[in-house]
Protein backbone atom coordinates (compact mmCIF):
# COMPACT_ATOMS: atom_id res chain seq x y z
CA MET A 1 0.00 0.00 0.00
CA THR A 2 1.44 3.39 -1.00
CA ILE A 3 1.90 6.41 1.27
CA TRP A 4 -0.77 8.33 -0.66
CA ARG A 5 -3.35 5.58 -0.18
CA LEU A 6 -2.57 5.50 3.53
CA ILE A 7 -2.99 9.26 3.76
CA PHE A 8 -6.30 9.39 1.88
CA ARG A 9 -7.74 6.44 3.83
CA GLU A 10 -6.70 8.05 7.08
CA ILE A 11 -8.39 11.31 6.01
CA ARG A 12 -11.62 9.44 5.27
CA MET A 13 -11.47 7.70 8.61
CA ARG A 14 -10.79 10.91 10.58
CA ARG A 15 -12.66 13.52 8.55
CA LEU A 16 -13.55 15.71 11.54
CA GLY A 17 -9.98 16.26 12.66
CA PHE A 18 -8.79 16.88 9.11
CA GLY A 19 -11.69 19.25 8.45
CA LEU A 20 -11.03 21.22 11.64
CA ALA A 21 -7.37 21.65 10.68
CA VAL A 22 -8.30 22.78 7.15
CA ALA A 23 -10.87 25.21 8.60
CA ALA A 24 -8.25 26.73 10.90
CA VAL A 25 -5.85 27.30 8.00
CA ALA A 26 -8.64 28.63 5.77
CA ALA A 27 -9.75 31.08 8.47
CA ALA A 28 -6.18 32.29 8.98
CA VAL A 29 -5.57 32.77 5.24
CA THR A 30 -8.95 34.50 4.84
CA VAL A 31 -8.23 37.01 7.58
CA VAL A 32 -4.62 37.66 6.51
CA GLY A 33 -5.52 38.04 2.84
CA ALA A 34 -8.68 40.05 3.46
CA ALA A 35 -6.86 42.40 5.85
CA HIS A 36 -4.40 43.24 3.10
CA GLY A 37 -7.24 43.74 0.61
CA ILE A 38 -9.30 45.87 2.99
CA LEU A 39 -6.32 48.14 3.65
CA GLY A 40 -5.86 48.46 -0.11
CA ALA A 41 -9.55 49.31 -0.55
CA TYR A 42 -9.28 51.95 2.17
CA ASP A 43 -6.23 53.44 0.42
CA ARG A 44 -8.08 53.56 -2.91
CA GLU A 45 -11.12 55.13 -1.28
CA THR A 46 -8.86 57.75 0.32
CA GLU A 47 -7.22 58.50 -3.03
CA GLN A 48 -10.60 58.85 -4.74
CA LEU A 49 -11.99 61.06 -1.99
CA LEU A 50 -8.96 63.36 -1.90
CA ASP A 51 -8.78 63.50 -5.71
CA LYS A 52 -12.42 64.57 -5.85
CA GLN A 53 -11.85 67.23 -3.22
CA ARG A 54 -8.74 68.49 -5.03
CA ALA A 55 -10.64 68.61 -8.31
CA ARG A 56 -13.48 70.49 -6.62
CA ILE A 57 -11.07 73.02 -5.11
CA GLU A 58 -9.27 73.48 -8.43
CA GLU A 59 -12.59 74.02 -10.20
CA GLU A 60 -13.67 76.53 -7.56
CA MET A 61 -10.36 78.35 -7.96
CA ARG A 62 -10.77 78.39 -11.74
CA VAL A 63 -14.28 79.79 -11.41
CA MET A 64 -13.02 82.29 -8.84
CA GLU A 65 -10.28 83.56 -11.15
CA ASP A 66 -12.65 83.79 -14.08
CA ASP A 67 -15.25 85.53 -11.94
CA TYR A 68 -12.61 87.90 -10.57
CA ARG A 69 -11.51 88.76 -14.11
CA LYS A 70 -15.09 89.44 -15.19
CA ILE A 71 -15.80 91.59 -12.14
CA MET A 72 -12.62 93.58 -12.66
CA LYS A 73 -13.45 94.10 -16.31
CA LYS A 74 -16.80 95.49 -15.22
CA LEU A 75 -15.63 97.60 -12.28
CA GLY A 76 -12.22 98.65 -13.58
CA PHE A 77 -8.72 98.84 -12.17
CA ASN A 78 -7.90 98.56 -8.47
CA LEU A 79 -4.38 100.03 -8.40
CA LEU A 80 -2.97 103.42 -9.35
CA ILE A 81 0.75 104.22 -9.61
CA LEU A 82 1.41 107.90 -8.86
CA PRO A 83 4.50 109.98 -9.80
CA GLU A 84 7.50 110.30 -7.52
CA GLY A 85 6.97 112.94 -4.87
CA GLN A 86 3.19 113.03 -5.13
CA LYS A 87 1.60 113.54 -1.71
CA LEU A 88 -1.37 111.33 -1.07
CA GLY A 89 -3.19 114.06 0.82
CA ASP A 90 -3.08 116.31 -2.22
CA TYR A 91 -4.14 113.46 -4.48
CA TYR A 92 -7.17 112.65 -2.34
CA ALA A 93 -8.10 116.35 -2.07
CA GLU A 94 -7.92 117.01 -5.82
CA GLY A 95 -8.91 113.61 -7.13
CA TYR A 96 -5.88 113.45 -9.44
CA ALA A 97 -2.09 113.79 -9.21
CA ALA A 98 -0.67 117.30 -9.49
CA LEU A 99 2.75 115.95 -10.46
CA ASP A 100 3.56 114.01 -13.59
CA MET A 101 6.12 111.53 -14.91
CA PRO A 102 7.46 110.38 -18.30
CA GLU A 103 5.05 108.33 -20.38
CA GLU A 104 7.87 105.87 -21.02
CA ASN A 105 7.57 104.72 -17.40
CA VAL A 106 4.64 102.50 -18.34
CA THR A 107 6.73 100.84 -21.06
CA LYS A 108 9.59 100.29 -18.62
CA LEU A 109 7.19 98.65 -16.17
CA ALA A 110 5.63 96.47 -18.88
CA ASN A 111 9.07 95.22 -19.94
CA SER A 112 10.38 94.68 -16.39
CA GLY A 113 8.99 91.17 -15.93
CA ILE A 114 6.71 92.29 -13.10
CA MET A 115 4.45 89.49 -11.82
CA THR A 116 2.18 91.11 -9.23
CA VAL A 117 0.15 93.39 -11.54
CA ARG A 118 -1.53 93.13 -14.92
CA HIS A 119 -3.37 95.46 -17.35
CA LEU A 120 -1.25 98.64 -17.33
CA ALA A 121 -2.93 101.79 -18.64
CA PRO A 122 -1.24 105.25 -18.59
CA THR A 123 -3.42 108.29 -17.97
CA LEU A 124 -3.21 112.05 -17.73
CA GLU A 125 -5.90 113.81 -15.68
CA ARG A 126 -6.59 117.45 -14.88
CA LYS A 127 -9.57 119.48 -13.78
CA VAL A 128 -10.05 122.25 -16.35
CA ARG A 129 -12.66 124.74 -17.50
CA TRP A 130 -14.69 124.21 -20.65
CA PRO A 131 -14.63 127.71 -22.16
CA GLU A 132 -17.02 126.83 -24.96
CA GLN A 133 -19.64 125.88 -22.34
CA GLY A 134 -19.45 128.88 -20.05
CA GLY A 135 -16.40 127.69 -18.16
CA ARG A 136 -18.03 124.69 -16.49
CA SER A 137 -15.68 122.33 -14.62
CA VAL A 138 -14.58 119.22 -16.45
CA ILE A 139 -12.10 116.52 -15.54
CA LEU A 140 -10.12 115.89 -18.70
CA ILE A 141 -8.72 112.36 -18.92
CA GLY A 142 -6.27 111.31 -21.59
CA ALA A 143 -6.47 107.55 -22.19
CA ARG A 144 -4.02 105.69 -24.36
CA GLY A 145 -5.32 102.19 -23.79
CA GLU A 146 -3.54 99.29 -22.15
CA VAL A 147 0.14 98.49 -22.59
CA PRO A 148 0.72 94.72 -22.89
CA LEU A 149 3.20 93.05 -20.55
CA ALA A 150 6.11 91.69 -22.55
CA HIS A 151 6.41 88.49 -20.47
CA ARG A 152 2.70 87.56 -20.40
CA SER A 153 0.24 86.33 -22.97
CA PRO A 154 -2.09 89.07 -24.28
CA LEU A 155 -5.26 89.49 -22.22
CA GLU A 156 -8.64 90.91 -23.07
CA PRO A 157 -8.32 94.60 -22.11
CA ILE A 158 -10.30 96.21 -19.31
CA LEU A 159 -9.94 99.68 -20.78
CA LEU A 160 -10.26 100.36 -24.50
CA ALA A 161 -8.38 103.25 -26.07
CA VAL A 162 -10.27 106.34 -27.15
CA GLU A 163 -9.84 106.86 -30.86
CA PRO A 164 -8.19 110.11 -32.01
CA GLY A 165 -10.81 112.79 -32.55
CA ASP A 166 -13.34 111.01 -30.30
CA ALA A 167 -14.54 111.90 -26.81
CA ALA A 168 -16.41 109.86 -24.19
CA LEU A 169 -18.58 111.93 -21.87
CA GLY A 170 -19.72 111.41 -18.30
CA PHE A 171 -23.41 111.45 -17.44
CA GLU A 172 -23.61 115.07 -16.16
CA LEU A 173 -21.87 116.39 -19.27
CA TRP A 174 -23.91 114.75 -22.01
CA ASP A 175 -27.17 114.84 -20.07
CA GLY A 176 -26.79 118.48 -19.06
CA LEU A 177 -25.86 119.57 -22.57
CA GLY A 178 -28.34 117.33 -24.34
CA LEU A 179 -25.63 115.55 -26.32
CA GLU A 180 -25.88 112.18 -28.05
CA VAL A 181 -23.43 109.75 -29.62
CA GLY A 182 -22.34 111.13 -32.98
CA ASP A 183 -22.67 114.79 -32.04
CA THR A 184 -19.73 117.10 -32.57
CA ILE A 185 -18.44 119.22 -29.69
CA ARG A 186 -15.79 121.91 -29.43
CA PHE A 187 -13.48 121.72 -26.44
CA MET A 188 -10.66 124.23 -25.82
CA GLY A 189 -10.41 125.04 -29.49
CA ARG A 190 -10.54 121.39 -30.70
CA GLU A 191 -13.40 119.49 -32.26
CA PHE A 192 -14.36 116.02 -31.03
CA ARG A 193 -17.03 113.52 -31.99
CA VAL A 194 -19.04 112.12 -29.09
CA SER A 195 -18.30 108.39 -29.27
CA GLN A 196 -19.77 107.29 -25.94
CA CYS A 197 -22.23 108.57 -23.35
CA ASN A 198 -21.56 106.85 -20.04
CA ALA A 199 -24.30 105.91 -17.57
CA GLU A 200 -24.54 107.69 -14.23
CA ARG A 201 -21.92 106.34 -11.79
CA GLY A 202 -22.21 108.73 -8.85
CA THR A 203 -18.50 109.56 -8.95
CA LYS A 204 -16.24 112.15 -10.54
CA ASP A 205 -16.62 110.13 -13.75
CA ASP A 206 -19.96 111.88 -14.24
CA ILE A 207 -18.16 115.18 -14.98
CA SER A 208 -15.24 113.58 -16.87
CA MET A 209 -14.33 113.68 -20.53
CA TRP A 210 -12.09 110.99 -22.02
CA VAL A 211 -9.98 111.74 -25.08
CA ASP A 212 -6.95 110.01 -26.56
CA LEU A 213 -3.74 110.60 -24.58
CA PRO A 214 -1.84 112.65 -27.22
CA ALA A 215 -4.79 115.05 -27.50
CA ALA A 216 -4.92 115.50 -23.71
CA GLN A 217 -1.15 116.05 -23.58
CA ALA A 218 -1.45 118.71 -26.27
CA ILE A 219 -4.37 120.47 -24.56
CA LEU A 220 -2.61 120.49 -21.18
CA ASP A 221 0.77 121.26 -22.72
CA LYS A 222 2.26 118.05 -21.24
CA PRO A 223 3.88 116.31 -24.24
CA GLY A 224 5.11 112.79 -23.35
CA ARG A 225 3.90 113.12 -19.76
CA ILE A 226 1.36 111.22 -17.66
CA ASN A 227 0.30 111.53 -14.02
CA GLY A 228 -0.81 107.99 -13.32
CA ILE A 229 -0.67 104.36 -14.38
CA PHE A 230 -3.75 102.28 -13.67
CA ALA A 231 -3.17 98.57 -13.01
CA LEU A 232 -4.94 95.43 -11.89
CA LYS A 233 -3.60 93.47 -8.95
CA CYS A 234 -2.78 89.90 -9.92
CA LEU A 235 -4.40 87.11 -7.87
CA CYS A 236 -0.92 85.69 -7.29
CA ALA A 237 -0.12 88.69 -5.10
CA GLY A 238 -3.00 87.94 -2.74
CA ASN A 239 -3.55 90.82 -0.33
CA GLU A 240 0.13 91.77 -0.07
CA LEU A 241 0.12 95.40 -1.21
CA ALA A 242 3.62 95.76 0.25
CA LEU A 243 4.83 93.05 -2.13
CA ILE A 244 3.37 94.94 -5.11
CA ARG A 245 4.89 98.22 -3.99
CA ALA A 246 8.29 96.62 -3.52
CA GLU A 247 8.25 95.05 -6.98
CA ILE A 248 7.12 98.28 -8.69
CA ALA A 249 9.73 100.28 -6.78
CA GLN A 250 12.49 98.19 -8.34
CA THR A 251 11.56 99.60 -11.76
CA LEU A 252 10.01 102.97 -10.82
CA PRO A 253 11.74 104.13 -7.62
CA GLY A 254 9.89 106.72 -5.57
CA THR A 255 6.48 106.08 -7.08
CA THR A 256 3.45 105.53 -4.85
CA VAL A 257 0.93 102.73 -5.26
CA VAL A 258 -2.67 103.36 -4.21
CA GLU A 259 -5.22 100.55 -3.91
CA PHE A 260 -8.91 101.22 -4.48
CA ALA A 261 -10.73 99.16 -1.84
CA GLY A 262 -14.26 98.21 -2.71
CA SER A 263 -16.67 95.37 -3.35
CA VAL A 264 -14.33 93.67 -5.77
CA VAL A 265 -11.48 93.66 -3.25
CA THR A 266 -13.80 92.41 -0.51
CA ARG A 267 -15.10 89.65 -2.74
CA ALA A 268 -11.59 88.64 -3.79
CA GLU A 269 -10.50 88.50 -0.14
CA ALA A 270 -13.53 86.40 0.77
CA ARG A 271 -12.77 83.97 -2.02
CA ALA A 272 -9.13 83.84 -0.97
CA ARG A 273 -10.20 82.96 2.57
CA ALA A 274 -12.55 80.33 1.18
CA ARG A 275 -9.66 78.82 -0.75
CA VAL A 276 -7.47 78.70 2.36
CA THR A 277 -10.32 77.10 4.31
CA ALA A 278 -10.93 74.51 1.57
CA ILE A 279 -7.25 73.60 1.38
CA LYS A 280 -7.06 73.36 5.19
CA ALA A 281 -10.11 71.08 5.22
CA LEU A 282 -8.47 68.89 2.57
CA GLU A 283 -5.26 68.69 4.61
CA ASP A 284 -7.24 67.85 7.77
CA GLU A 285 -9.15 65.10 5.96
CA GLU A 286 -5.92 63.70 4.56
CA HIS A 287 -4.35 63.76 8.03
CA ARG A 288 -7.42 62.15 9.63
CA ARG A 289 -7.53 59.32 7.12
CA SER A 290 -3.78 58.85 7.42
CA GLU A 291 -4.14 58.40 11.17
CA ILE A 292 -6.96 55.89 10.66
CA ARG A 293 -4.81 54.06 8.12
CA LEU A 294 -1.93 53.88 10.59
CA SER A 295 -4.27 52.55 13.27
CA LEU A 296 -5.63 49.87 10.93
CA ALA A 297 -2.14 48.93 9.80
CA GLY A 298 -1.02 48.67 13.43
CA LEU A 299 -3.98 46.42 14.22
CA VAL A 300 -3.20 44.20 11.24
CA ALA A 301 0.50 44.12 12.17
CA TRP A 302 -0.15 42.32 15.45
CA LEU A 303 -3.35 40.55 14.36
CA ILE A 304 -1.73 38.63 11.49
CA PRO A 305 1.06 37.02 13.57
CA ALA A 306 -1.46 36.21 16.30
CA ILE A 307 -3.77 34.52 13.81
CA LEU A 308 -0.95 32.59 12.18
CA LEU A 309 0.36 31.42 15.54
CA GLY A 310 -3.15 30.48 16.63
CA ALA A 311 -3.75 28.48 13.47
CA ALA A 312 -0.35 26.79 13.77
CA PHE A 313 -1.07 25.90 17.41
CA TRP A 314 -4.47 24.49 16.49
CA VAL A 315 -3.02 22.42 13.64
CA ALA A 316 -0.22 21.18 15.92
CA LEU A 317 -2.73 20.21 18.62
CA LEU A 318 -4.84 18.29 16.11
CA ALA A 319 -1.67 16.63 14.80
CA TRP A 320 -0.76 15.50 18.35
CA ILE A 321 -4.25 14.08 18.76
CA ASN A 322 -4.00 12.41 15.35
CA VAL A 323 -0.64 10.84 16.16
CA ARG A 324 -1.95 9.65 19.51
CA GLU A 325 -5.06 8.11 17.94
CA ARG A 326 -2.93 6.42 15.27
CA ARG A 327 -0.38 5.10 17.76
CA ASN A 328 -1.29 1.47 17.16
CA GLU A 329 -1.56 2.00 13.41
CA ILE A 330 1.90 3.56 13.25
CA GLY A 331 3.31 0.73 15.40
CA ILE A 332 1.91 -1.87 13.02
CA LEU A 333 3.26 0.00 9.98
CA ARG A 334 6.69 0.22 11.61
CA ALA A 335 6.57 -3.54 12.40
CA LEU A 336 5.69 -4.24 8.77
CA GLY A 337 8.81 -2.42 7.63
CA LEU A 338 7.79 1.25 7.22
CA GLY A 339 10.92 3.23 8.04
CA GLY A 340 11.31 6.47 9.95
CA GLY A 341 11.33 8.47 6.72
CA GLY A 342 8.01 6.91 5.78
CA VAL A 343 6.47 7.88 9.09
CA LEU A 344 7.70 11.48 8.67
CA THR A 345 6.38 11.54 5.11
CA LEU A 346 3.02 10.22 6.27
CA VAL A 347 2.55 12.91 8.92
CA LEU A 348 4.10 15.86 7.05
CA THR A 349 2.37 15.11 3.75
CA ARG A 350 -0.95 15.14 5.56
CA ALA A 351 0.08 18.49 7.09
CA ALA A 352 1.01 19.86 3.64
CA LEU A 353 -2.37 18.83 2.26
CA ILE A 354 -4.06 20.63 5.16
CA GLY A 355 -2.05 23.77 4.37
CA LEU A 356 -2.69 23.72 0.62
CA LEU A 357 -6.40 22.93 0.88
CA GLY A 358 -6.94 25.49 3.66
CA ALA A 359 -4.98 28.12 1.73
CA GLY A 360 -7.04 27.52 -1.40
CA ILE A 361 -10.32 27.88 0.48
CA GLY A 362 -8.99 30.90 2.38
CA MET A 363 -7.91 32.61 -0.85
CA GLY A 364 -11.41 32.26 -2.27
CA LEU A 365 -13.05 33.57 0.90
CA GLY A 366 -10.51 36.39 1.20
CA TYR A 367 -11.20 37.39 -2.39
CA LEU A 368 -14.93 37.61 -1.66
CA VAL A 369 -14.36 39.61 1.55
CA THR A 370 -12.10 42.04 -0.32
CA LEU A 371 -14.67 42.43 -3.09
CA ASN A 372 -17.37 43.13 -0.52
CA ALA A 373 -15.15 45.77 1.14
CA ALA A 374 -14.47 47.39 -2.25
CA TRP A 375 -18.18 47.46 -3.14
CA GLY A 376 -18.96 48.91 0.27
CA ARG A 377 -16.54 51.77 -0.43
CA SER A 378 -18.05 52.39 -3.88
CA LEU A 379 -14.82 51.71 -5.74
CA ALA A 380 -14.92 51.58 -9.52
CA PRO A 381 -14.22 48.19 -11.19
CA ALA A 382 -10.90 49.50 -12.49
CA GLU A 383 -9.90 50.35 -8.91
CA MET A 384 -10.90 46.88 -7.68
CA ASN A 385 -8.56 45.14 -10.09
CA GLY A 386 -5.54 46.66 -8.44
CA LEU A 387 -6.56 45.45 -4.99
CA PHE A 388 -5.62 41.82 -5.65
CA GLN A 389 -1.85 41.63 -5.69
CA TRP A 390 -1.47 38.07 -6.86
CA ASP A 391 2.17 37.79 -5.84
CA TYR A 392 1.02 38.45 -2.26
CA TRP A 393 -1.73 35.80 -2.51
CA ILE A 394 0.61 33.27 -4.12
CA GLY A 395 3.15 33.88 -1.38
CA LEU A 396 0.41 33.32 1.20
CA PHE A 397 -0.66 30.12 -0.60
CA LEU A 398 2.88 28.77 -0.47
CA LEU A 399 3.43 29.89 3.11
CA ALA A 400 0.42 27.98 4.47
CA PRO A 401 1.80 24.44 3.93
CA VAL A 402 5.16 25.53 5.32
CA VAL A 403 3.45 26.72 8.52
CA THR A 404 1.36 23.53 8.86
CA MET A 405 4.35 21.25 8.22
CA THR A 406 6.38 23.20 10.78
CA ALA A 407 3.54 22.93 13.29
CA CYS A 408 3.28 19.17 12.68
CA TRP A 409 6.99 18.57 12.91
CA PRO A 410 7.04 17.87 16.71
CA PRO A 411 4.14 15.37 16.48
CA ALA A 412 5.90 13.72 13.54
CA LEU A 413 9.07 13.33 15.60
CA ARG A 414 6.98 11.92 18.43
CA ALA A 415 5.51 9.34 16.07
CA LEU A 416 9.00 8.53 14.78
CA GLY A 417 10.32 8.03 18.31
CA GLN A 418 7.75 5.41 19.29
CA ASP A 419 9.03 1.82 19.63
CA PRO A 420 6.72 -0.46 17.60
CA ALA A 421 7.53 -3.48 19.85
CA SER A 422 6.44 -1.59 22.96
CA ILE A 423 3.27 -0.42 21.26
CA LEU A 424 2.34 -3.93 20.13
CA ARG A 425 3.25 -5.46 23.49
CA GLU A 426 0.89 -3.00 25.19
CA GLU A 427 -1.85 -4.18 22.89
């Protein structure tokens, strides 16, 4: 009779003990394999959750920047660069700068590589009398249009240039004089065509007249001069006005930068705070899930050895019981000529079968438990495929029979050390 026939007959005769040993190994492999899969599912869920939050924040920031651009286009510039030596008190009292600076300053700034501002527009403003209209007060504004930054892609302008020979009028001017678009006016000896009649704004713009910059320079006898450069604060600068001033001062020393606070600034600051809050919430969520992951990994780290040792102990105990129950059988086999190697083969092969069969069942159950965990975390099918690292499962499959054979080694040696003559004499 061959060793294999002896093993299979013994398994049929003692099905309960063999089944309990296989169940112990299967349970251990299920838990060990499923723990690895569940941790993987948790990691994938964390990645998906954080990716969604990052995408949401990025989309909100994109909408914020686009909204900010649209608001600024509607409400205008929020920075003004004044000439060197201009006192702010005088500027606020008059509503414009009394001093002036070279027009080339705006070109120097545009070519400087400045990063904290965008949309540069030179201007020349003065309050003058309109002699042709009884000497009424008018704020004359010379507008050249925006100067593109050399280091940035062209942007849609906030301020459009006034064409030569045209004039845009504030509400009080055109309404009070009964003017319409297309009418011709005479201003300080020059003729202009009314190209735009602005709506009422409730500011000094209502008594302002915009003409092209060269015309204003000629009227005010300020050739090549301006008294201000309007600009738009870049979102990258945040609320750091000092940073903007420092960067502008590197190119235009002595100039003063004034910020126009208003609804647009308030809204931009609110959105900036919302962004900081969203990023902080993302970091907190990432930290929280990282701590949970560490706790789960720590639990698995001690649980897996405990389960393996428990399964090995259970298999060893069942092996001791098996050897004890088969004491007479082993004695007879030894008397019939079965050597020590045969006895070891008999016991250890049975142990290997327990390990392989239990590992196979455990792999199947572990696979199902991992799938259930993945479904419970709403992972996509593509994400589930990466959870099953087959090299890990194969290693676990091969480790199981090694553990069971090691656990059964002492009982096998006990069976080998029994004297068949003593056993038979006792019978």
